[in-house]
Amino acid sequence: MGSNWDWQVFLTDPGGKYPTYLQWMLSAWGWTVSVSILALIVALVMGSLIGIIRTLPDSPWLVRLGNAWVELFRNIPLLVQIFLWYHVIPALIPVMKGVPPFVLVVLALGFFTSARIAEQVRSGVQALPKGQRYAGMAVGFTTPQYYRYVLLPMAYRIILPPLTSEAMNIFKNSSVAFAISISELTMFFIQTTEETSRPYEMFIAVSGLYIVSAFAINRIMAFIEKRVRIPGYVISTSGGGH
């Protein structure tokens, strides 16, 4: 079987937009990275906001809203959510008509992941001693101020390990973008396998790029975690009284 390998296939001309399959694959990798990074930004922003809302004192209706967000986006499969964004949302919301599929898949992947990050932010805040909240209030901080200056800097530090997993997962989950014809790595694999009849070479190359992407995220997050780690703090999903 080894004699049948033909890695030179990546240097051949696919007869289209790209001079070689290698350049086509690198372009697809660029789309994968773009979708993943932008979706991660959306997930971090929305997940942080929803996670904070779920820990607000004396705001039960906001807590219910945050809980509803988490349950909605966590319990609908990602592929279904992408189809909803692509086919249903533009029909229901006229302003969404004409929005590029790239933007829709970024929103779908970002909102899906935001539900998981919201749960981690909630756990991080609730893992802190409730005396930290009271200390912020005692020095005259408003609610936004003691979240910004007291609770969140500590909470983000202790949830970095699960955030690392989410950042890696978002690169892997970006593969579902092929379902709405985004030219990312999985779409590249499907198309080139049909054209070249070289599934093993294409599969190994695409898998390698996914591994490189996930490993790079892992190393970056590990470096950040090492720099900001707080000894003695662990996540407690049971909460700390906030």
Protein backbone atom coordinates (compact mmCIF):
# COMPACT_ATOMS: atom_id res chain seq x y z
CA MET A 1 0.00 0.00 0.00
CA GLY A 2 2.92 2.34 0.75
CA SER A 3 3.99 2.30 -2.90
CA ASN A 4 0.68 3.95 -3.83
CA TRP A 5 1.37 7.19 -1.96
CA ASP A 6 1.63 10.20 -4.25
CA TRP A 7 2.45 13.36 -2.32
CA GLN A 8 3.23 15.20 -5.53
CA VAL A 9 -0.51 15.55 -5.99
CA PHE A 10 -0.24 18.73 -3.89
CA LEU A 11 2.01 20.27 -6.55
CA THR A 12 -0.31 19.56 -9.46
CA ASP A 13 -2.63 22.10 -11.02
CA PRO A 14 -6.28 21.69 -9.99
CA GLY A 15 -7.28 23.67 -13.05
CA GLY A 16 -9.10 26.47 -11.30
CA LYS A 17 -8.47 29.47 -9.09
CA TYR A 18 -5.31 28.09 -7.45
CA PRO A 19 -2.08 27.07 -9.23
CA THR A 20 -1.62 23.98 -7.05
CA TYR A 21 -3.57 21.87 -4.56
CA LEU A 22 -1.11 22.97 -1.89
CA GLN A 23 -2.03 26.62 -2.35
CA TRP A 24 -5.69 25.68 -2.38
CA MET A 25 -5.24 23.82 0.91
CA LEU A 26 -3.40 26.73 2.52
CA SER A 27 -6.19 29.07 1.44
CA ALA A 28 -8.74 26.68 2.99
CA TRP A 29 -6.65 26.65 6.17
CA GLY A 30 -6.84 30.45 6.18
CA TRP A 31 -10.63 30.28 6.01
CA THR A 32 -10.67 27.78 8.87
CA VAL A 33 -8.45 30.00 11.03
CA SER A 34 -10.52 33.09 10.18
CA VAL A 35 -13.82 31.43 11.06
CA SER A 36 -12.39 30.02 14.27
CA ILE A 37 -10.75 33.19 15.57
CA LEU A 38 -13.72 35.43 14.81
CA ALA A 39 -16.14 32.90 16.31
CA LEU A 40 -13.92 32.68 19.40
CA ILE A 41 -14.08 36.46 19.82
CA VAL A 42 -17.89 36.36 19.55
CA ALA A 43 -18.00 33.46 22.01
CA LEU A 44 -15.77 35.20 24.56
CA VAL A 45 -17.73 38.46 24.41
CA MET A 46 -21.19 36.90 24.56
CA GLY A 47 -20.14 34.11 26.94
CA SER A 48 -18.62 36.60 29.35
CA LEU A 49 -21.68 38.83 29.23
CA ILE A 50 -24.11 35.95 29.79
CA GLY A 51 -21.89 34.44 32.48
CA ILE A 52 -21.82 37.75 34.36
CA ILE A 53 -25.58 38.16 34.03
CA ARG A 54 -26.10 34.74 35.60
CA THR A 55 -24.21 35.80 38.73
CA LEU A 56 -25.78 39.20 39.25
CA PRO A 57 -27.26 39.70 42.73
CA ASP A 58 -30.88 40.82 43.08
CA SER A 59 -31.62 40.47 39.34
CA PRO A 60 -33.62 37.23 39.03
CA TRP A 61 -35.10 38.09 35.64
CA LEU A 62 -31.64 38.73 34.19
CA VAL A 63 -30.44 35.44 35.67
CA ARG A 64 -33.37 33.65 34.01
CA LEU A 65 -32.51 35.34 30.71
CA GLY A 66 -28.92 34.16 30.98
CA ASN A 67 -30.02 30.64 31.89
CA ALA A 68 -32.37 30.58 28.90
CA TRP A 69 -29.51 31.63 26.59
CA VAL A 70 -27.30 28.83 27.86
CA GLU A 71 -29.99 26.17 27.61
CA LEU A 72 -31.04 27.28 24.13
CA PHE A 73 -27.62 27.33 22.50
CA ARG A 74 -26.18 24.41 24.45
CA ASN A 75 -28.97 21.96 23.66
CA ILE A 76 -29.38 22.50 19.90
CA PRO A 77 -26.76 20.66 17.81
CA LEU A 78 -24.25 22.95 16.13
CA LEU A 79 -25.05 21.73 12.62
CA VAL A 80 -28.74 22.44 13.19
CA GLN A 81 -27.89 25.93 14.43
CA ILE A 82 -25.84 26.62 11.31
CA PHE A 83 -28.74 25.59 9.09
CA LEU A 84 -31.08 27.77 11.15
CA TRP A 85 -28.80 30.78 10.70
CA TYR A 86 -28.39 30.08 6.99
CA HIS A 87 -31.95 29.17 6.00
CA VAL A 88 -34.36 30.36 8.71
CA ILE A 89 -32.98 33.56 10.27
CA PRO A 90 -32.74 35.48 6.94
CA ALA A 91 -36.35 34.54 6.20
CA LEU A 92 -37.55 35.72 9.62
CA ILE A 93 -35.37 38.84 9.88
CA PRO A 94 -35.27 40.78 6.58
CA VAL A 95 -32.15 42.73 7.58
CA MET A 96 -30.22 39.43 7.66
CA LYS A 97 -30.91 38.77 3.99
CA GLY A 98 -27.78 39.14 1.95
CA VAL A 99 -25.47 38.60 4.93
CA PRO A 100 -22.50 36.53 3.70
CA PRO A 101 -22.50 32.86 4.77
CA PHE A 102 -19.10 33.46 6.37
CA VAL A 103 -20.66 35.91 8.84
CA LEU A 104 -23.56 33.56 9.55
CA VAL A 105 -21.30 30.63 10.37
CA VAL A 106 -19.17 32.84 12.63
CA LEU A 107 -22.30 33.89 14.53
CA ALA A 108 -23.60 30.32 14.74
CA LEU A 109 -20.32 28.91 16.01
CA GLY A 110 -19.73 31.87 18.30
CA PHE A 111 -23.17 31.74 19.94
CA PHE A 112 -22.97 27.95 20.30
CA THR A 113 -19.64 28.21 22.11
CA SER A 114 -20.76 31.24 24.14
CA ALA A 115 -23.19 29.02 26.06
CA ARG A 116 -20.30 26.86 27.26
CA ILE A 117 -18.08 29.84 28.09
CA ALA A 118 -20.96 31.47 29.99
CA GLU A 119 -21.14 28.41 32.22
CA GLN A 120 -17.39 28.60 32.84
CA VAL A 121 -17.49 32.31 33.66
CA ARG A 122 -20.37 31.70 36.08
CA SER A 123 -18.39 28.90 37.74
CA GLY A 124 -15.29 31.07 37.93
CA VAL A 125 -17.11 33.95 39.61
CA GLN A 126 -18.91 31.64 42.01
CA ALA A 127 -15.64 29.90 42.90
CA LEU A 128 -14.39 33.11 44.50
CA PRO A 129 -15.04 33.78 48.21
CA LYS A 130 -18.10 35.97 48.49
CA GLY A 131 -16.08 38.26 50.75
CA GLN A 132 -14.42 39.62 47.60
CA ARG A 133 -17.75 40.93 46.40
CA TYR A 134 -18.43 42.50 49.78
CA ALA A 135 -14.95 44.04 49.85
CA GLY A 136 -15.65 45.72 46.52
CA MET A 137 -18.95 47.03 47.79
CA ALA A 138 -17.30 48.23 51.02
CA VAL A 139 -14.90 50.52 49.15
CA GLY A 140 -17.80 52.05 47.23
CA PHE A 141 -17.58 50.21 43.91
CA THR A 142 -20.71 49.97 41.84
CA THR A 143 -21.77 46.54 40.54
CA PRO A 144 -19.99 47.02 37.15
CA GLN A 145 -16.89 48.30 38.96
CA TYR A 146 -16.46 45.44 41.40
CA TYR A 147 -17.02 42.95 38.59
CA ARG A 148 -14.42 44.70 36.46
CA TYR A 149 -11.80 45.35 39.12
CA VAL A 150 -12.35 42.59 41.68
CA LEU A 151 -14.25 39.52 40.46
CA LEU A 152 -13.51 39.11 36.75
CA PRO A 153 -9.70 39.46 36.88
CA MET A 154 -9.64 36.57 39.34
CA ALA A 155 -12.38 34.54 37.65
CA TYR A 156 -10.73 34.62 34.22
CA ARG A 157 -7.47 33.40 35.67
CA ILE A 158 -8.99 30.33 37.27
CA ILE A 159 -11.07 29.34 34.22
CA LEU A 160 -8.18 29.47 31.74
CA PRO A 161 -7.86 25.64 31.54
CA PRO A 162 -11.46 25.10 30.37
CA LEU A 163 -11.19 28.16 28.13
CA THR A 164 -8.20 26.48 26.50
CA SER A 165 -10.37 23.46 25.72
CA GLU A 166 -13.08 25.69 24.23
CA ALA A 167 -10.56 27.53 22.07
CA MET A 168 -9.28 24.21 20.73
CA ASN A 169 -12.80 22.87 20.24
CA ILE A 170 -13.85 25.90 18.23
CA PHE A 171 -11.15 25.11 15.65
CA LYS A 172 -12.40 21.54 15.39
CA ASN A 173 -16.07 22.58 15.29
CA SER A 174 -15.33 25.01 12.44
CA SER A 175 -15.32 21.95 10.17
CA VAL A 176 -19.14 22.08 10.02
CA ALA A 177 -18.84 25.30 7.99
CA PHE A 178 -18.57 23.09 4.90
CA ALA A 179 -22.32 22.51 5.23
CA ILE A 180 -23.01 26.01 3.88
CA SER A 181 -20.17 25.93 1.34
CA ILE A 182 -17.48 27.82 3.23
CA SER A 183 -14.18 26.93 1.54
CA GLU A 184 -12.47 25.69 4.70
CA LEU A 185 -10.40 22.55 5.23
CA THR A 186 -13.21 20.02 5.36
CA MET A 187 -14.72 21.38 2.15
CA PHE A 188 -11.26 21.25 0.57
CA PHE A 189 -10.91 17.60 1.60
CA ILE A 190 -14.31 16.64 0.16
CA GLN A 191 -13.75 18.40 -3.15
CA THR A 192 -10.14 17.35 -3.73
CA THR A 193 -10.79 13.73 -2.78
CA GLU A 194 -13.37 13.55 -5.55
CA GLU A 195 -11.06 15.27 -8.04
CA THR A 196 -7.81 13.45 -7.30
CA SER A 197 -8.94 10.07 -5.93
CA ARG A 198 -6.23 10.54 -3.31
CA PRO A 199 -8.21 10.44 -0.03
CA TYR A 200 -5.36 9.26 2.19
CA GLU A 201 -2.95 12.02 1.23
CA MET A 202 -5.65 14.67 1.51
CA PHE A 203 -6.93 13.30 4.82
CA ILE A 204 -3.47 13.19 6.40
CA ALA A 205 -2.62 16.72 5.24
CA VAL A 206 -5.92 18.22 6.42
CA SER A 207 -5.75 16.37 9.74
CA GLY A 208 -2.21 17.64 10.20
CA LEU A 209 -3.33 21.25 9.78
CA TYR A 210 -6.13 20.77 12.30
CA ILE A 211 -3.60 19.33 14.75
CA VAL A 212 -1.19 22.22 14.16
CA SER A 213 -3.99 24.74 14.76
CA ALA A 214 -5.20 23.09 17.96
CA PHE A 215 -1.65 22.63 19.25
CA ALA A 216 -0.81 26.29 18.61
CA ILE A 217 -3.87 27.39 20.58
CA ASN A 218 -2.95 24.98 23.36
CA ARG A 219 0.59 26.37 23.64
CA ILE A 220 -0.56 30.00 23.54
CA MET A 221 -3.16 29.41 26.25
CA ALA A 222 -0.68 27.39 28.34
CA PHE A 223 1.76 30.30 28.20
CA ILE A 224 -0.94 32.75 29.28
CA GLU A 225 -2.11 30.41 32.03
CA LYS A 226 1.42 30.07 33.39
CA ARG A 227 1.85 33.83 33.50
CA VAL A 228 -1.41 34.61 35.30
CA ARG A 229 -1.98 31.47 37.39
CA ILE A 230 -3.15 32.00 40.98
CA PRO A 231 -2.04 29.13 43.25
CA GLY A 232 -4.76 27.65 45.40
CA TYR A 233 -7.76 28.57 43.26
CA VAL A 234 -9.87 25.90 41.55
CA ILE A 235 -13.21 26.01 39.79
CA SER A 236 -16.14 24.98 41.95
CA THR A 237 -19.32 24.32 40.03
CA SER A 238 -21.26 24.32 43.29
CA GLY A 239 -20.61 28.04 43.70
CA GLY A 240 -19.19 30.23 46.38
CA GLY A 241 -22.28 32.03 47.51
CA HIS A 242 -22.47 34.80 44.88
